[in-house]
Each structure stands twice: as structure tokens, then as C-alpha cells.
Amino acid sequence: MRKEDIQTKIDVILDNLEKLYPLKSMPYEDFIFDYRNIDSALYRLQTSIQALLDICSYIIASLGLKTPNSNAEIIKILSDAGYIPEGKIVTYTDMSKFRNRIVHLYNHIDKKTLYDILVNELADIKDFYVNLLKIIEEHKG
């Protein structure tokens, strides 16, 4: 595996995190006051999570693991193969579900939930990203 193969995905994640951190620091009332904050947060979370899932798919294909049929199965395959720590499986699966919710149930996203994710769970994206880079580094080819 080569980090260069997924560099554009890495760039998306890093750029999105950089742009999400200012939203995270806003008070809730300021955040929801401007629809652009909500739209930006939703888009950047969706594309960050999708980039993470794309990197996972790259790792799965590179390692010759079972082909996933869903985003949730991506996490299961990597965890079954020992690449995702036990304590992170639920967190990463929930991320995948939230991405699906943004895409398919976009008109049912609670603003408070979105804000709570920004404030309390944004670090999970970075954690996931770092774990994936470690896998790639361990399997340089």
C-alpha cells in the first residue's frame, strides 16, 4: 500500500477538519443562527466520513480481504481482521451511519445532535484517520 494512492482522500479530511474546528468553537446559538454553518458542517462531515470509508476500502482491497456490501460492513471486515481496535468499532460504525443519515435523511438531522457531534466527536475523525494511516504504513509495498 502507498499513502500516495489515497492522498486526495487525506487532503479532503485534513481540509475539512481545518474548516470544522472554527464551527466547533462557536456557541450553539451562533452556530444555528446561520444556515451556512449547518450546511458547511453537514457537508464537511459527510465528505470526511466518506473519505475515511474510501481509505478503508482501499486498505481492504490491498489486503485482499472480503469485499464489503455496505459501509457498516467495511468497519466489520477491518475489525474482524484485527485492524480496528475493539473500543473503536461502535464509534466508527456510528460514523458510517451518520454519513448515511446525512445523505439519505438530510431533512431529519437534528441541529443539536449535529452541534454535539462537532463539539464532542470531531476528534474521532482524526483518530480514525491516524489509525488508517498506521495500517498503510505497516503494509508499505
Protein backbone atom coordinates (compact mmCIF):
# COMPACT_ATOMS: atom_id res chain seq x y z
CA MET A 1 0.00 0.00 0.00
CA ARG A 2 1.10 3.51 -0.69
CA LYS A 3 -0.05 6.67 1.04
CA GLU A 4 0.22 8.45 -2.31
CA ASP A 5 -2.64 6.31 -3.63
CA ILE A 6 -5.06 7.89 -1.18
CA GLN A 7 -3.50 11.34 -0.84
CA THR A 8 -6.54 13.14 -2.28
CA LYS A 9 -8.72 11.48 0.38
CA ILE A 10 -6.27 12.53 3.09
CA ASP A 11 -6.34 16.09 1.75
CA VAL A 12 -10.15 16.16 1.94
CA ILE A 13 -10.10 15.01 5.57
CA LEU A 14 -7.43 17.49 6.64
CA ASP A 15 -9.07 20.39 4.82
CA ASN A 16 -12.46 19.55 6.29
CA LEU A 17 -11.13 19.26 9.83
CA GLU A 18 -9.43 22.63 9.47
CA LYS A 19 -12.74 24.18 8.41
CA LEU A 20 -14.83 22.37 11.02
CA TYR A 21 -12.78 23.47 14.04
CA PRO A 22 -13.99 27.10 13.91
CA LEU A 23 -17.60 25.85 13.83
CA LYS A 24 -16.86 23.65 16.81
CA SER A 25 -15.77 26.63 18.87
CA MET A 26 -18.96 28.63 18.23
CA PRO A 27 -21.64 28.83 20.90
CA TYR A 28 -24.69 26.78 19.93
CA GLU A 29 -26.93 29.80 19.33
CA ASP A 30 -24.37 31.37 16.98
CA PHE A 31 -23.92 28.07 15.16
CA ILE A 32 -27.62 27.55 14.42
CA PHE A 33 -28.26 31.24 13.69
CA ASP A 34 -26.69 30.98 10.23
CA TYR A 35 -27.81 28.12 7.98
CA ARG A 36 -24.41 28.22 6.28
CA ASN A 37 -22.81 26.89 9.46
CA ILE A 38 -25.17 23.93 9.46
CA ASP A 39 -24.76 23.28 5.74
CA SER A 40 -21.00 23.51 5.98
CA ALA A 41 -20.84 21.17 8.98
CA LEU A 42 -23.06 18.60 7.30
CA TYR A 43 -21.15 18.68 4.02
CA ARG A 44 -17.73 18.53 5.64
CA LEU A 45 -18.70 15.72 7.99
CA GLN A 46 -20.25 13.75 5.13
CA THR A 47 -17.23 14.11 2.86
CA SER A 48 -14.77 13.43 5.69
CA ILE A 49 -16.52 10.22 6.66
CA GLN A 50 -16.82 9.20 3.02
CA ALA A 51 -13.09 9.79 2.53
CA LEU A 52 -12.39 7.62 5.58
CA LEU A 53 -14.59 4.86 4.18
CA ASP A 54 -12.86 5.16 0.80
CA ILE A 55 -9.48 4.75 2.50
CA CYS A 56 -10.85 1.70 4.34
CA SER A 57 -11.99 0.24 1.02
CA TYR A 58 -8.52 0.82 -0.41
CA ILE A 59 -6.98 -1.00 2.55
CA ILE A 60 -9.45 -3.89 2.27
CA ALA A 61 -8.73 -4.29 -1.46
CA SER A 62 -4.97 -4.01 -0.95
CA LEU A 63 -5.01 -6.68 1.75
CA GLY A 64 -7.25 -8.97 -0.30
CA LEU A 65 -9.95 -9.07 2.36
CA LYS A 66 -13.61 -9.88 1.73
CA THR A 67 -15.40 -7.33 -0.45
CA PRO A 68 -17.85 -5.28 1.66
CA ASN A 69 -21.51 -4.90 0.69
CA SER A 70 -22.13 -1.81 2.82
CA ASN A 71 -20.33 0.94 4.67
CA ALA A 72 -21.02 -0.74 8.01
CA GLU A 73 -19.52 -3.95 6.66
CA ILE A 74 -16.32 -2.06 5.80
CA ILE A 75 -15.76 -1.46 9.51
CA LYS A 76 -16.65 -5.07 10.39
CA ILE A 77 -14.22 -6.52 7.85
CA LEU A 78 -11.35 -4.40 9.13
CA SER A 79 -12.21 -5.11 12.76
CA ASP A 80 -12.52 -8.87 12.12
CA ALA A 81 -9.07 -8.76 10.52
CA GLY A 82 -7.70 -7.05 13.62
CA TYR A 83 -7.14 -3.61 12.12
CA ILE A 84 -9.67 -1.64 14.14
CA PRO A 85 -9.33 -1.61 17.92
CA GLU A 86 -12.24 -3.23 19.76
CA GLY A 87 -13.09 0.02 21.55
CA LYS A 88 -13.46 1.93 18.27
CA ILE A 89 -15.76 -0.41 16.33
CA VAL A 90 -19.00 1.17 17.58
CA THR A 91 -17.66 4.71 17.13
CA TYR A 92 -16.56 4.10 13.54
CA THR A 93 -19.77 2.23 12.70
CA ASP A 94 -21.80 5.11 14.13
CA MET A 95 -19.79 7.50 11.93
CA SER A 96 -20.74 5.47 8.89
CA LYS A 97 -24.39 5.51 9.95
CA PHE A 98 -24.29 9.27 10.46
CA ARG A 99 -22.87 9.73 6.95
CA ASN A 100 -25.78 7.66 5.61
CA ARG A 101 -28.19 9.77 7.60
CA ILE A 102 -26.78 12.98 6.11
CA VAL A 103 -27.07 11.55 2.60
CA HIS A 104 -30.45 9.84 2.84
CA LEU A 105 -32.31 11.51 5.72
CA TYR A 106 -30.90 15.00 5.28
CA ASN A 107 -34.16 16.66 6.30
CA HIS A 108 -34.18 14.78 9.61
CA ILE A 109 -30.85 15.91 11.04
CA ASP A 110 -31.34 17.47 14.45
CA LYS A 111 -29.29 20.67 14.85
CA LYS A 112 -28.46 19.90 18.46
CA THR A 113 -27.19 16.44 17.51
CA LEU A 114 -25.08 17.94 14.74
CA TYR A 115 -23.62 20.50 17.13
CA ASP A 116 -22.93 17.83 19.75
CA ILE A 117 -21.05 15.79 17.15
CA LEU A 118 -18.98 18.84 16.23
CA VAL A 119 -18.15 19.67 19.82
CA ASN A 120 -17.68 16.19 21.28
CA GLU A 121 -16.82 13.79 18.47
CA LEU A 122 -14.77 15.64 15.87
CA ALA A 123 -11.61 14.09 17.31
CA ASP A 124 -12.94 10.66 16.28
CA ILE A 125 -12.42 11.57 12.62
CA LYS A 126 -8.78 12.40 13.28
CA ASP A 127 -8.37 9.25 15.37
CA PHE A 128 -9.85 7.10 12.60
CA TYR A 129 -7.63 8.79 10.02
CA VAL A 130 -4.50 8.22 12.11
CA ASN A 131 -5.39 4.54 12.63
CA LEU A 132 -5.83 4.06 8.87
CA LEU A 133 -2.51 5.72 8.10
CA LYS A 134 -0.80 3.34 10.55
CA ILE A 135 -2.26 0.35 8.69
CA ILE A 136 -0.98 1.72 5.38
CA GLU A 137 2.44 2.44 6.87
CA GLU A 138 2.66 -1.10 8.28
CA HIS A 139 1.90 -2.58 4.85
CA LYS A 140 4.05 -0.47 2.59
CA GLY A 141 4.68 -2.21 -0.65
